[in-house]
Structures are given as structure tokens and as C-alpha cells.
Amino acid sequence: MTTTQAQAAKKAAGAKSHGSDDQALNDALVDTFVKSTETYIDWFTIWNREVAAFMARRLARQQDFARKVCECKDGADLVECQREWTETAQQDYADEFKKLTELGLSFAEKQAKNAEIAEN
């Protein structure tokens, strides 16, 4: 084997080794992408279910409010009804904001874990 042939063989062996490294990196990136996408789809489904459930609860409260308004006997009753509705709405929206924030944080934590796995 000549020096040139030896260098070519060494270079080819290095290229194969490099190719294996590229394939391993590719596999890791694909795995990370798949895990991240699965996490996102799961989170997105949970998020949408929660928002839809919240909207249903708020619509039920609106319906209840309309019924109570119709039952008011005077202005004082109406003011009290409006006050109760406002307090309930504020609390409902605050609670929902907290739930959605927690969902968002859990999504971010899962994505961070996916990234950590990919780095290792």
C-alpha cells in the first residue's frame, strides 16, 4: 500500500466515523423533535379542553345571572345581583388564569426535560 493509498484509507475511515457521529446527532435531533412535538400536542389538547370547560362554566354563570336579574324586585336587588356577578366573574377569571399559567409552566418544564435528554 502506498502512502497515498494509506492516507485515502485513513481519510475514508475518518469519514465513516464522522458519518456515524452525524447519524447519531441526527437520531438525537429527530428523537428530541418527536418528543417535543408529542409534548406540545398533549399540552395543546389539555389547554384547549381547559379553555372550553372554562367557557362552558362562564356561560352557565351568565345564564344564571340573567335568570337572577329577571327575578330582581327593585334597584337594590339588581345592584346586589350585579355585585355578586362581578365578584364571581373576577374570581373565575383569576382562577382560570392561574390554571392556564400552571399548564404553561408544566409545558415549559417538559420541553426543558426533552432538551436535557437531547443534550445527553
PDB file of N, CA and C in Angstrom:
ATOM      1  N   MET A   1       0.857  -1.161   0.000  1.00  0.00           N
ATOM      2  CA  MET A   1       0.000   0.000   0.000  1.00  0.00           C
ATOM      3  C   MET A   1       0.903   1.223   0.000  1.00  0.00           C
ATOM      4  N   THR A   2       0.591   2.127  -0.883  1.00  0.00           N
ATOM      5  CA  THR A   2       1.393   3.345  -0.969  1.00  0.00           C
ATOM      6  C   THR A   2       0.942   4.332   0.107  1.00  0.00           C
ATOM      7  N   THR A   3       1.750   5.355   0.289  1.00  0.00           N
ATOM      8  CA  THR A   3       1.414   6.396   1.258  1.00  0.00           C
ATOM      9  C   THR A   3       0.109   7.077   0.875  1.00  0.00           C
ATOM     10  N   THR A   4      -0.085   7.314  -0.373  1.00  0.00           N
ATOM     11  CA  THR A   4      -1.309   7.964  -0.848  1.00  0.00           C
ATOM     12  C   THR A   4      -2.523   7.076  -0.573  1.00  0.00           C
ATOM     13  N   GLN A   5      -2.364   5.775  -0.823  1.00  0.00           N
ATOM     14  CA  GLN A   5      -3.477   4.842  -0.559  1.00  0.00           C
ATOM     15  C   GLN A   5      -3.763   4.776   0.949  1.00  0.00           C
ATOM     16  N   ALA A   6      -2.731   4.787   1.764  1.00  0.00           N
ATOM     17  CA  ALA A   6      -2.894   4.753   3.215  1.00  0.00           C
ATOM     18  C   ALA A   6      -3.610   6.013   3.697  1.00  0.00           C
ATOM     19  N   GLN A   7      -3.230   7.149   3.136  1.00  0.00           N
ATOM     20  CA  GLN A   7      -3.891   8.400   3.510  1.00  0.00           C
ATOM     21  C   GLN A   7      -5.365   8.379   3.081  1.00  0.00           C
ATOM     22  N   ALA A   8      -5.625   7.836   1.902  1.00  0.00           N
ATOM     23  CA  ALA A   8      -7.005   7.748   1.404  1.00  0.00           C
ATOM     24  C   ALA A   8      -7.830   6.827   2.289  1.00  0.00           C
ATOM     25  N   ALA A   9      -7.243   5.690   2.709  1.00  0.00           N
ATOM     26  CA  ALA A   9      -7.946   4.745   3.582  1.00  0.00           C
ATOM     27  C   ALA A   9      -8.223   5.379   4.948  1.00  0.00           C
ATOM     28  N   LYS A  10      -7.213   6.088   5.456  1.00  0.00           N
ATOM     29  CA  LYS A  10      -7.371   6.758   6.747  1.00  0.00           C
ATOM     30  C   LYS A  10      -8.462   7.826   6.660  1.00  0.00           C
ATOM     31  N   LYS A  11      -8.450   8.555   5.562  1.00  0.00           N
ATOM     32  CA  LYS A  11      -9.449   9.602   5.351  1.00  0.00           C
ATOM     33  C   LYS A  11     -10.843   8.996   5.238  1.00  0.00           C
ATOM     34  N   ALA A  12     -10.951   7.874   4.516  1.00  0.00           N
ATOM     35  CA  ALA A  12     -12.245   7.191   4.369  1.00  0.00           C
ATOM     36  C   ALA A  12     -12.731   6.680   5.720  1.00  0.00           C
ATOM     37  N   ALA A  13     -11.824   6.137   6.517  1.00  0.00           N
ATOM     38  CA  ALA A  13     -12.203   5.654   7.854  1.00  0.00           C
ATOM     39  C   ALA A  13     -12.670   6.809   8.711  1.00  0.00           C
ATOM     40  N   GLY A  14     -11.996   7.941   8.598  1.00  0.00           N
ATOM     41  CA  GLY A  14     -12.403   9.140   9.341  1.00  0.00           C
ATOM     42  C   GLY A  14     -13.750   9.633   8.873  1.00  0.00           C
ATOM     43  N   ALA A  15     -14.009   9.551   7.567  1.00  0.00           N
ATOM     44  CA  ALA A  15     -15.296   9.990   7.023  1.00  0.00           C
ATOM     45  C   ALA A  15     -16.415   9.094   7.531  1.00  0.00           C
ATOM     46  N   LYS A  16     -16.129   7.790   7.604  1.00  0.00           N
ATOM     47  CA  LYS A  16     -17.148   6.871   8.122  1.00  0.00           C
ATOM     48  C   LYS A  16     -17.438   7.176   9.586  1.00  0.00           C
ATOM     49  N   SER A  17     -16.383   7.389  10.336  1.00  0.00           N
ATOM     50  CA  SER A  17     -16.549   7.713  11.748  1.00  0.00           C
ATOM     51  C   SER A  17     -17.335   9.008  11.896  1.00  0.00           C
ATOM     52  N   HIS A  18     -16.981   9.973  11.090  1.00  0.00           N
ATOM     53  CA  HIS A  18     -17.677  11.258  11.113  1.00  0.00           C
ATOM     54  C   HIS A  18     -19.143  11.067  10.718  1.00  0.00           C
ATOM     55  N   GLY A  19     -19.367  10.192   9.732  1.00  0.00           N
ATOM     56  CA  GLY A  19     -20.735   9.903   9.300  1.00  0.00           C
ATOM     57  C   GLY A  19     -21.545   9.287  10.424  1.00  0.00           C
ATOM     58  N   SER A  20     -20.927   8.412  11.200  1.00  0.00           N
ATOM     59  CA  SER A  20     -21.617   7.800  12.340  1.00  0.00           C
ATOM     60  C   SER A  20     -21.988   8.858  13.362  1.00  0.00           C
ATOM     61  N   ASP A  21     -21.071   9.786  13.582  1.00  0.00           N
ATOM     62  CA  ASP A  21     -21.351  10.873  14.515  1.00  0.00           C
ATOM     63  C   ASP A  21     -22.520  11.710  14.007  1.00  0.00           C
ATOM     64  N   ASP A  22     -22.508  11.981  12.701  1.00  0.00           N
ATOM     65  CA  ASP A  22     -23.610  12.748  12.110  1.00  0.00           C
ATOM     66  C   ASP A  22     -24.930  12.007  12.267  1.00  0.00           C
ATOM     67  N   GLN A  23     -24.897  10.684  12.054  1.00  0.00           N
ATOM     68  CA  GLN A  23     -26.126   9.892  12.174  1.00  0.00           C
ATOM     69  C   GLN A  23     -26.626   9.890  13.618  1.00  0.00           C
ATOM     70  N   ALA A  24     -25.709   9.760  14.561  1.00  0.00           N
ATOM     71  CA  ALA A  24     -26.090   9.775  15.977  1.00  0.00           C
ATOM     72  C   ALA A  24     -26.704  11.122  16.343  1.00  0.00           C
ATOM     73  N   LEU A  25     -26.094  12.187  15.853  1.00  0.00           N
ATOM     74  CA  LEU A  25     -26.631  13.525  16.108  1.00  0.00           C
ATOM     75  C   LEU A  25     -27.998  13.670  15.461  1.00  0.00           C
ATOM     76  N   ASN A  26     -28.118  13.202  14.243  1.00  0.00           N
ATOM     77  CA  ASN A  26     -29.399  13.250  13.534  1.00  0.00           C
ATOM     78  C   ASN A  26     -30.473  12.499  14.303  1.00  0.00           C
ATOM     79  N   ASP A  27     -30.136  11.277  14.764  1.00  0.00           N
ATOM     80  CA  ASP A  27     -31.088  10.471  15.527  1.00  0.00           C
ATOM     81  C   ASP A  27     -31.518  11.191  16.800  1.00  0.00           C
ATOM     82  N   ALA A  28     -30.562  11.802  17.486  1.00  0.00           N
ATOM     83  CA  ALA A  28     -30.877  12.534  18.721  1.00  0.00           C
ATOM     84  C   ALA A  28     -31.788  13.725  18.429  1.00  0.00           C
ATOM     85  N   LEU A  29     -31.504  14.431  17.346  1.00  0.00           N
ATOM     86  CA  LEU A  29     -32.339  15.583  16.984  1.00  0.00           C
ATOM     87  C   LEU A  29     -33.748  15.145  16.614  1.00  0.00           C
ATOM     88  N   VAL A  30     -33.857  14.061  15.873  1.00  0.00           N
ATOM     89  CA  VAL A  30     -35.181  13.556  15.492  1.00  0.00           C
ATOM     90  C   VAL A  30     -35.948  13.114  16.738  1.00  0.00           C
ATOM     91  N   ASP A  31     -35.279  12.389  17.633  1.00  0.00           N
ATOM     92  CA  ASP A  31     -35.937  11.955  18.876  1.00  0.00           C
ATOM     93  C   ASP A  31     -36.421  13.155  19.687  1.00  0.00           C
ATOM     94  N   THR A  32     -35.578  14.162  19.801  1.00  0.00           N
ATOM     95  CA  THR A  32     -35.946  15.363  20.549  1.00  0.00           C
ATOM     96  C   THR A  32     -37.128  16.064  19.884  1.00  0.00           C
ATOM     97  N   PHE A  33     -37.096  16.162  18.574  1.00  0.00           N
ATOM     98  CA  PHE A  33     -38.192  16.795  17.838  1.00  0.00           C
ATOM     99  C   PHE A  33     -39.495  16.039  18.062  1.00  0.00           C
ATOM    100  N   VAL A  34     -39.444  14.718  17.995  1.00  0.00           N
ATOM    101  CA  VAL A  34     -40.648  13.899  18.189  1.00  0.00           C
ATOM    102  C   VAL A  34     -41.181  14.066  19.607  1.00  0.00           C
ATOM    103  N   LYS A  35     -40.306  13.989  20.600  1.00  0.00           N
ATOM    104  CA  LYS A  35     -40.741  14.145  21.992  1.00  0.00           C
ATOM    105  C   LYS A  35     -41.320  15.540  22.233  1.00  0.00           C
ATOM    106  N   SER A  36     -40.672  16.546  21.673  1.00  0.00           N
ATOM    107  CA  SER A  36     -41.161  17.920  21.838  1.00  0.00           C
ATOM    108  C   SER A  36     -42.515  18.101  21.169  1.00  0.00           C
ATOM    109  N   THR A  37     -42.670  17.521  19.989  1.00  0.00           N
ATOM    110  CA  THR A  37     -43.945  17.624  19.281  1.00  0.00           C
ATOM    111  C   THR A  37     -45.045  16.895  20.038  1.00  0.00           C
ATOM    112  N   GLU A  38     -44.748  15.712  20.546  1.00  0.00           N
ATOM    113  CA  GLU A  38     -45.738  14.973  21.344  1.00  0.00           C
ATOM    114  C   GLU A  38     -46.135  15.772  22.586  1.00  0.00           C
ATOM    115  N   THR A  39     -45.151  16.348  23.247  1.00  0.00           N
ATOM    116  CA  THR A  39     -45.426  17.162  24.432  1.00  0.00           C
ATOM    117  C   THR A  39     -46.319  18.341  24.065  1.00  0.00           C
ATOM    118  N   TYR A  40     -45.989  19.006  22.960  1.00  0.00           N
ATOM    119  CA  TYR A  40     -46.771  20.164  22.523  1.00  0.00           C
ATOM    120  C   TYR A  40     -48.209  19.758  22.196  1.00  0.00           C
ATOM    121  N   ILE A  41     -48.390  18.663  21.477  1.00  0.00           N
ATOM    122  CA  ILE A  41     -49.745  18.223  21.108  1.00  0.00           C
ATOM    123  C   ILE A  41     -50.543  17.875  22.358  1.00  0.00           C
ATOM    124  N   ASP A  42     -49.919  17.154  23.288  1.00  0.00           N
ATOM    125  CA  ASP A  42     -50.602  16.819  24.546  1.00  0.00           C
ATOM    126  C   ASP A  42     -50.998  18.093  25.291  1.00  0.00           C
ATOM    127  N   TRP A  43     -50.047  19.008  25.417  1.00  0.00           N
ATOM    128  CA  TRP A  43     -50.313  20.263  26.132  1.00  0.00           C
ATOM    129  C   TRP A  43     -51.404  21.070  25.439  1.00  0.00           C
ATOM    130  N   PHE A  44     -51.320  21.179  24.130  1.00  0.00           N
ATOM    131  CA  PHE A  44     -52.294  21.955  23.362  1.00  0.00           C
ATOM    132  C   PHE A  44     -53.696  21.380  23.542  1.00  0.00           C
ATOM    133  N   THR A  45     -53.815  20.062  23.561  1.00  0.00           N
ATOM    134  CA  THR A  45     -55.106  19.403  23.766  1.00  0.00           C
ATOM    135  C   THR A  45     -55.645  19.701  25.163  1.00  0.00           C
ATOM    136  N   ILE A  46     -54.796  19.572  26.160  1.00  0.00           N
ATOM    137  CA  ILE A  46     -55.207  19.858  27.545  1.00  0.00           C
ATOM    138  C   ILE A  46     -55.607  21.327  27.680  1.00  0.00           C
ATOM    139  N   TRP A  47     -54.805  22.227  27.115  1.00  0.00           N
ATOM    140  CA  TRP A  47     -55.081  23.668  27.163  1.00  0.00           C
ATOM    141  C   TRP A  47     -56.446  23.969  26.551  1.00  0.00           C
ATOM    142  N   ASN A  48     -56.702  23.431  25.361  1.00  0.00           N
ATOM    143  CA  ASN A  48     -57.973  23.694  24.687  1.00  0.00           C
ATOM    144  C   ASN A  48     -59.155  23.124  25.454  1.00  0.00           C
ATOM    145  N   ARG A  49     -58.982  21.941  26.027  1.00  0.00           N
ATOM    146  CA  ARG A  49     -60.052  21.363  26.848  1.00  0.00           C
ATOM    147  C   ARG A  49     -60.358  22.262  28.046  1.00  0.00           C
ATOM    148  N   GLU A  50     -59.315  22.761  28.673  1.00  0.00           N
ATOM    149  CA  GLU A  50     -59.494  23.637  29.840  1.00  0.00           C
ATOM    150  C   GLU A  50     -60.197  24.930  29.445  1.00  0.00           C
ATOM    151  N   VAL A  51     -59.781  25.542  28.355  1.00  0.00           N
ATOM    152  CA  VAL A  51     -60.425  26.788  27.906  1.00  0.00           C
ATOM    153  C   VAL A  51     -61.896  26.536  27.566  1.00  0.00           C
ATOM    154  N   ALA A  52     -62.183  25.439  26.884  1.00  0.00           N
ATOM    155  CA  ALA A  52     -63.570  25.110  26.529  1.00  0.00           C
ATOM    156  C   ALA A  52     -64.413  24.869  27.787  1.00  0.00           C
ATOM    157  N   ALA A  53     -63.846  24.182  28.772  1.00  0.00           N
ATOM    158  CA  ALA A  53     -64.570  23.935  30.022  1.00  0.00           C
ATOM    159  C   ALA A  53     -64.828  25.255  30.755  1.00  0.00           C
ATOM    160  N   PHE A  54     -63.829  26.143  30.754  1.00  0.00           N
ATOM    161  CA  PHE A  54     -63.997  27.450  31.382  1.00  0.00           C
ATOM    162  C   PHE A  54     -65.114  28.241  30.701  1.00  0.00           C
ATOM    163  N   MET A  55     -65.098  28.243  29.394  1.00  0.00           N
ATOM    164  CA  MET A  55     -66.137  28.968  28.656  1.00  0.00           C
ATOM    165  C   MET A  55     -67.525  28.406  28.977  1.00  0.00           C
ATOM    166  N   ALA A  56     -67.632  27.095  29.082  1.00  0.00           N
ATOM    167  CA  ALA A  56     -68.917  26.469  29.420  1.00  0.00           C
ATOM    168  C   ALA A  56     -69.365  26.890  30.822  1.00  0.00           C
ATOM    169  N   ARG A  57     -68.416  26.912  31.770  1.00  0.00           N
ATOM    170  CA  ARG A  57     -68.770  27.340  33.138  1.00  0.00           C
ATOM    171  C   ARG A  57     -69.211  28.800  33.164  1.00  0.00           C
ATOM    172  N   ARG A  58     -68.496  29.652  32.422  1.00  0.00           N
ATOM    173  CA  ARG A  58     -68.861  31.074  32.391  1.00  0.00           C
ATOM    174  C   ARG A  58     -70.214  31.281  31.720  1.00  0.00           C
ATOM    175  N   LEU A  59     -70.490  30.543  30.667  1.00  0.00           N
ATOM    176  CA  LEU A  59     -71.806  30.667  30.017  1.00  0.00           C
ATOM    177  C   LEU A  59     -72.926  30.242  30.966  1.00  0.00           C
ATOM    178  N   ALA A  60     -72.683  29.198  31.748  1.00  0.00           N
ATOM    179  CA  ALA A  60     -73.676  28.764  32.734  1.00  0.00           C
ATOM    180  C   ALA A  60     -73.893  29.862  33.777  1.00  0.00           C
ATOM    181  N   ARG A  61     -72.819  30.513  34.190  1.00  0.00           N
ATOM    182  CA  ARG A  61     -72.950  31.611  35.161  1.00  0.00           C
ATOM    183  C   ARG A  61     -73.690  32.801  34.543  1.00  0.00           C
ATOM    184  N   GLN A  62     -73.428  33.069  33.271  1.00  0.00           N
ATOM    185  CA  GLN A  62     -74.145  34.150  32.587  1.00  0.00           C
ATOM    186  C   GLN A  62     -75.642  33.851  32.547  1.00  0.00           C
ATOM    187  N   GLN A  63     -75.955  32.615  32.257  1.00  0.00           N
ATOM    188  CA  GLN A  63     -77.356  32.188  32.207  1.00  0.00           C
ATOM    189  C   GLN A  63     -78.000  32.352  33.583  1.00  0.00           C
ATOM    190  N   ASP A  64     -77.290  31.952  34.615  1.00  0.00           N
ATOM    191  CA  ASP A  64     -77.777  32.089  35.986  1.00  0.00           C
ATOM    192  C   ASP A  64     -77.977  33.567  36.331  1.00  0.00           C
ATOM    193  N   PHE A  65     -77.031  34.398  35.915  1.00  0.00           N
ATOM    194  CA  PHE A  65     -77.118  35.834  36.157  1.00  0.00           C
ATOM    195  C   PHE A  65     -78.364  36.426  35.484  1.00  0.00           C
ATOM    196  N   ALA A  66     -78.602  36.057  34.240  1.00  0.00           N
ATOM    197  CA  ALA A  66     -79.778  36.566  33.513  1.00  0.00           C
ATOM    198  C   ALA A  66     -81.062  36.166  34.232  1.00  0.00           C
ATOM    199  N   ARG A  67     -81.119  34.931  34.722  1.00  0.00           N
ATOM    200  CA  ARG A  67     -82.293  34.481  35.467  1.00  0.00           C
ATOM    201  C   ARG A  67     -82.470  35.303  36.741  1.00  0.00           C
ATOM    202  N   LYS A  68     -81.384  35.534  37.472  1.00  0.00           N
ATOM    203  CA  LYS A  68     -81.457  36.303  38.716  1.00  0.00           C
ATOM    204  C   LYS A  68     -81.865  37.751  38.459  1.00  0.00           C
ATOM    205  N   VAL A  69     -81.367  38.334  37.366  1.00  0.00           N
ATOM    206  CA  VAL A  69     -81.744  39.714  37.030  1.00  0.00           C
ATOM    207  C   VAL A  69     -83.258  39.803  36.820  1.00  0.00           C
ATOM    208  N   CYS A  70     -83.804  38.812  36.152  1.00  0.00           N
ATOM    209  CA  CYS A  70     -85.256  38.803  35.904  1.00  0.00           C
ATOM    210  C   CYS A  70     -86.065  38.643  37.190  1.00  0.00           C
ATOM    211  N   GLU A  71     -85.449  38.100  38.212  1.00  0.00           N
ATOM    212  CA  GLU A  71     -86.130  37.897  39.494  1.00  0.00           C
ATOM    213  C   GLU A  71     -85.984  39.078  40.447  1.00  0.00           C
ATOM    214  N   CYS A  72     -85.177  40.074  40.081  1.00  0.00           N
ATOM    215  CA  CYS A  72     -84.964  41.226  40.952  1.00  0.00           C
ATOM    216  C   CYS A  72     -86.275  42.007  41.116  1.00  0.00           C
ATOM    217  N   LYS A  73     -86.524  42.432  42.365  1.00  0.00           N
ATOM    218  CA  LYS A  73     -87.767  43.154  42.669  1.00  0.00           C
ATOM    219  C   LYS A  73     -87.589  44.662  42.629  1.00  0.00           C
ATOM    220  N   ASP A  74     -86.348  45.102  42.842  1.00  0.00           N
ATOM    221  CA  ASP A  74     -86.111  46.553  42.826  1.00  0.00           C
ATOM    222  C   ASP A  74     -84.649  46.831  42.475  1.00  0.00           C
ATOM    223  N   GLY A  75     -84.295  48.105  42.480  1.00  0.00           N
ATOM    224  CA  GLY A  75     -82.940  48.523  42.118  1.00  0.00           C
ATOM    225  C   GLY A  75     -81.883  47.961  43.047  1.00  0.00           C
ATOM    226  N   ALA A  76     -82.203  47.865  44.335  1.00  0.00           N
ATOM    227  CA  ALA A  76     -81.239  47.334  45.308  1.00  0.00           C
ATOM    228  C   ALA A  76     -80.933  45.868  45.005  1.00  0.00           C
ATOM    229  N   ASP A  77     -81.960  45.111  44.673  1.00  0.00           N
ATOM    230  CA  ASP A  77     -81.755  43.705  44.294  1.00  0.00           C
ATOM    231  C   ASP A  77     -80.869  43.610  43.048  1.00  0.00           C
ATOM    232  N   LEU A  78     -81.133  44.479  42.096  1.00  0.00           N
ATOM    233  CA  LEU A  78     -80.372  44.473  40.851  1.00  0.00           C
ATOM    234  C   LEU A  78     -78.896  44.805  41.099  1.00  0.00           C
ATOM    235  N   VAL A  79     -78.647  45.808  41.954  1.00  0.00           N
ATOM    236  CA  VAL A  79     -77.264  46.182  42.291  1.00  0.00           C
ATOM    237  C   VAL A  79     -76.562  45.018  42.987  1.00  0.00           C
ATOM    238  N   GLU A  80     -77.251  44.367  43.906  1.00  0.00           N
ATOM    239  CA  GLU A  80     -76.667  43.220  44.618  1.00  0.00           C
ATOM    240  C   GLU A  80     -76.379  42.071  43.648  1.00  0.00           C
ATOM    241  N   CYS A  81     -77.295  41.841  42.750  1.00  0.00           N
ATOM    242  CA  CYS A  81     -77.113  40.785  41.743  1.00  0.00           C
ATOM    243  C   CYS A  81     -75.880  41.076  40.879  1.00  0.00           C
ATOM    244  N   GLN A  82     -75.747  42.335  40.461  1.00  0.00           N
ATOM    245  CA  GLN A  82     -74.603  42.742  39.642  1.00  0.00           C
ATOM    246  C   GLN A  82     -73.295  42.630  40.426  1.00  0.00           C
ATOM    247  N   ARG A  83     -73.335  43.005  41.703  1.00  0.00           N
ATOM    248  CA  ARG A  83     -72.137  42.899  42.544  1.00  0.00           C
ATOM    249  C   ARG A  83     -71.687  41.449  42.674  1.00  0.00           C
ATOM    250  N   GLU A  84     -72.641  40.557  42.941  1.00  0.00           N
ATOM    251  CA  GLU A  84     -72.313  39.131  43.057  1.00  0.00           C
ATOM    252  C   GLU A  84     -71.733  38.586  41.756  1.00  0.00           C
ATOM    253  N   TRP A  85     -72.348  38.978  40.639  1.00  0.00           N
ATOM    254  CA  TRP A  85     -71.869  38.510  39.345  1.00  0.00           C
ATOM    255  C   TRP A  85     -70.447  38.999  39.084  1.00  0.00           C
ATOM    256  N   THR A  86     -70.182  40.264  39.404  1.00  0.00           N
ATOM    257  CA  THR A  86     -68.851  40.840  39.173  1.00  0.00           C
ATOM    258  C   THR A  86     -67.803  40.130  40.021  1.00  0.00           C
ATOM    259  N   GLU A  87     -68.113  39.884  41.283  1.00  0.00           N
ATOM    260  CA  GLU A  87     -67.166  39.185  42.162  1.00  0.00           C
ATOM    261  C   GLU A  87     -66.892  37.775  41.659  1.00  0.00           C
ATOM    262  N   THR A  88     -67.953  37.089  41.268  1.00  0.00           N
ATOM    263  CA  THR A  88     -67.814  35.725  40.772  1.00  0.00           C
ATOM    264  C   THR A  88     -66.988  35.696  39.485  1.00  0.00           C
ATOM    265  N   ALA A  89     -67.271  36.620  38.580  1.00  0.00           N
ATOM    266  CA  ALA A  89     -66.535  36.672  37.316  1.00  0.00           C
ATOM    267  C   ALA A  89     -65.049  36.951  37.570  1.00  0.00           C
ATOM    268  N   GLN A  90     -64.767  37.901  38.438  1.00  0.00           N
ATOM    269  CA  GLN A  90     -63.364  38.218  38.751  1.00  0.00           C
ATOM    270  C   GLN A  90     -62.642  36.995  39.312  1.00  0.00           C
ATOM    271  N   GLN A  91     -63.295  36.290  40.236  1.00  0.00           N
ATOM    272  CA  GLN A  91     -62.676  35.111  40.841  1.00  0.00           C
ATOM    273  C   GLN A  91     -62.507  33.999  39.813  1.00  0.00           C
ATOM    274  N   ASP A  92     -63.534  33.783  38.987  1.00  0.00           N
ATOM    275  CA  ASP A  92     -63.447  32.744  37.955  1.00  0.00           C
ATOM    276  C   ASP A  92     -62.280  33.011  36.998  1.00  0.00           C
ATOM    277  N   TYR A  93     -62.156  34.248  36.544  1.00  0.00           N
ATOM    278  CA  TYR A  93     -61.077  34.583  35.612  1.00  0.00           C
ATOM    279  C   TYR A  93     -59.708  34.484  36.286  1.00  0.00           C
ATOM    280  N   ALA A  94     -59.618  34.871  37.541  1.00  0.00           N
ATOM    281  CA  ALA A  94     -58.346  34.751  38.267  1.00  0.00           C
ATOM    282  C   ALA A  94     -57.959  33.282  38.421  1.00  0.00           C
ATOM    283  N   ASP A  95     -58.937  32.452  38.775  1.00  0.00           N
ATOM    284  CA  ASP A  95     -58.673  31.018  38.922  1.00  0.00           C
ATOM    285  C   ASP A  95     -58.248  30.400  37.594  1.00  0.00           C
ATOM    286  N   GLU A  96     -58.921  30.796  36.524  1.00  0.00           N
ATOM    287  CA  GLU A  96     -58.593  30.245  35.209  1.00  0.00           C
ATOM    288  C   GLU A  96     -57.204  30.694  34.757  1.00  0.00           C
ATOM    289  N   PHE A  97     -56.878  31.944  35.014  1.00  0.00           N
ATOM    290  CA  PHE A  97     -55.550  32.448  34.675  1.00  0.00           C
ATOM    291  C   PHE A  97     -54.484  31.626  35.394  1.00  0.00           C
ATOM    292  N   LYS A  98     -54.735  31.322  36.662  1.00  0.00           N
ATOM    293  CA  LYS A  98     -53.787  30.520  37.438  1.00  0.00           C
ATOM    294  C   LYS A  98     -53.644  29.127  36.839  1.00  0.00           C
ATOM    295  N   LYS A  99     -54.768  28.496  36.478  1.00  0.00           N
ATOM    296  CA  LYS A  99     -54.712  27.160  35.880  1.00  0.00           C
ATOM    297  C   LYS A  99     -53.937  27.171  34.570  1.00  0.00           C
ATOM    298  N   LEU A 100     -54.226  28.142  33.722  1.00  0.00           N
ATOM    299  CA  LEU A 100     -53.555  28.205  32.422  1.00  0.00           C
ATOM    300  C   LEU A 100     -52.066  28.519  32.572  1.00  0.00           C
ATOM    301  N   THR A 101     -51.740  29.336  33.553  1.00  0.00           N
ATOM    302  CA  THR A 101     -50.324  29.629  33.822  1.00  0.00           C
ATOM    303  C   THR A 101     -49.604  28.367  34.273  1.00  0.00           C
ATOM    304  N   GLU A 102     -50.246  27.600  35.151  1.00  0.00           N
ATOM    305  CA  GLU A 102     -49.646  26.342  35.611  1.00  0.00           C
ATOM    306  C   GLU A 102     -49.476  25.357  34.456  1.00  0.00           C
ATOM    307  N   LEU A 103     -50.469  25.311  33.563  1.00  0.00           N
ATOM    308  CA  LEU A 103     -50.338  24.445  32.382  1.00  0.00           C
ATOM    309  C   LEU A 103     -49.160  24.884  31.516  1.00  0.00           C
ATOM    310  N   GLY A 104     -49.031  26.182  31.319  1.00  0.00           N
ATOM    311  CA  GLY A 104     -47.926  26.706  30.517  1.00  0.00           C
ATOM    312  C   GLY A 104     -46.580  26.390  31.141  1.00  0.00           C
ATOM    313  N   LEU A 105     -46.485  26.526  32.451  1.00  0.00           N
ATOM    314  CA  LEU A 105     -45.229  26.208  33.148  1.00  0.00           C
ATOM    315  C   LEU A 105     -44.893  24.722  33.057  1.00  0.00           C
ATOM    316  N   SER A 106     -45.921  23.875  33.186  1.00  0.00           N
ATOM    317  CA  SER A 106     -45.652  22.434  33.086  1.00  0.00           C
ATOM    318  C   SER A 106     -45.182  22.074  31.681  1.00  0.00           C
ATOM    319  N   PHE A 107     -45.741  22.741  30.669  1.00  0.00           N
ATOM    320  CA  PHE A 107     -45.292  22.525  29.293  1.00  0.00           C
ATOM    321  C   PHE A 107     -43.825  22.926  29.152  1.00  0.00           C
ATOM    322  N   ALA A 108     -43.485  24.084  29.680  1.00  0.00           N
ATOM    323  CA  ALA A 108     -42.103  24.566  29.583  1.00  0.00           C
ATOM    324  C   ALA A 108     -41.145  23.608  30.293  1.00  0.00           C
ATOM    325  N   GLU A 109     -41.551  23.082  31.449  1.00  0.00           N
ATOM    326  CA  GLU A 109     -40.708  22.132  32.180  1.00  0.00           C
ATOM    327  C   GLU A 109     -40.501  20.852  31.381  1.00  0.00           C
ATOM    328  N   LYS A 110     -41.571  20.350  30.755  1.00  0.00           N
ATOM    329  CA  LYS A 110     -41.443  19.129  29.952  1.00  0.00           C
ATOM    330  C   LYS A 110     -40.544  19.365  28.748  1.00  0.00           C
ATOM    331  N   GLN A 111     -40.678  20.521  28.127  1.00  0.00           N
ATOM    332  CA  GLN A 111     -39.830  20.820  26.976  1.00  0.00           C
ATOM    333  C   GLN A 111     -38.371  20.959  27.409  1.00  0.00           C
ATOM    334  N   ALA A 112     -38.146  21.524  28.575  1.00  0.00           N
ATOM    335  CA  ALA A 112     -36.776  21.642  29.087  1.00  0.00           C
ATOM    336  C   ALA A 112     -36.192  20.250  29.341  1.00  0.00           C
ATOM    337  N   LYS A 113     -36.994  19.339  29.869  1.00  0.00           N
ATOM    338  CA  LYS A 113     -36.522  17.960  30.087  1.00  0.00           C
ATOM    339  C   LYS A 113     -36.199  17.291  28.761  1.00  0.00           C
ATOM    340  N   ASN A 114     -37.049  17.535  27.746  1.00  0.00           N
ATOM    341  CA  ASN A 114     -36.766  16.985  26.420  1.00  0.00           C
ATOM    342  C   ASN A 114     -35.428  17.493  25.901  1.00  0.00           C
ATOM    343  N   ALA A 115     -35.161  18.769  26.126  1.00  0.00           N
ATOM    344  CA  ALA A 115     -33.894  19.351  25.671  1.00  0.00           C
ATOM    345  C   ALA A 115     -32.714  18.759  26.437  1.00  0.00           C
ATOM    346  N   GLU A 116     -32.884  18.539  27.749  1.00  0.00           N
ATOM    347  CA  GLU A 116     -31.818  17.938  28.546  1.00  0.00           C
ATOM    348  C   GLU A 116     -31.489  16.538  28.065  1.00  0.00           C
ATOM    349  N   ILE A 117     -32.530  15.776  27.765  1.00  0.00           N
ATOM    350  CA  ILE A 117     -32.336  14.403  27.270  1.00  0.00           C
ATOM    351  C   ILE A 117     -31.557  14.428  25.962  1.00  0.00           C
ATOM    352  N   ALA A 118     -31.886  15.395  25.115  1.00  0.00           N
ATOM    353  CA  ALA A 118     -31.221  15.506  23.820  1.00  0.00           C
ATOM    354  C   ALA A 118     -29.741  15.854  23.974  1.00  0.00           C
ATOM    355  N   GLU A 119     -29.430  16.651  24.979  1.00  0.00           N
ATOM    356  CA  GLU A 119     -28.040  17.060  25.186  1.00  0.00           C
ATOM    357  C   GLU A 119     -27.184  15.899  25.671  1.00  0.00           C
ATOM    358  N   ASN A 120     -27.812  14.953  26.363  1.00  0.00           N
ATOM    359  CA  ASN A 120     -27.048  13.835  26.930  1.00  0.00           C
ATOM    360  C   ASN A 120     -26.892  12.743  25.949  1.00  0.00           C
TER     361      ASN A 120
END
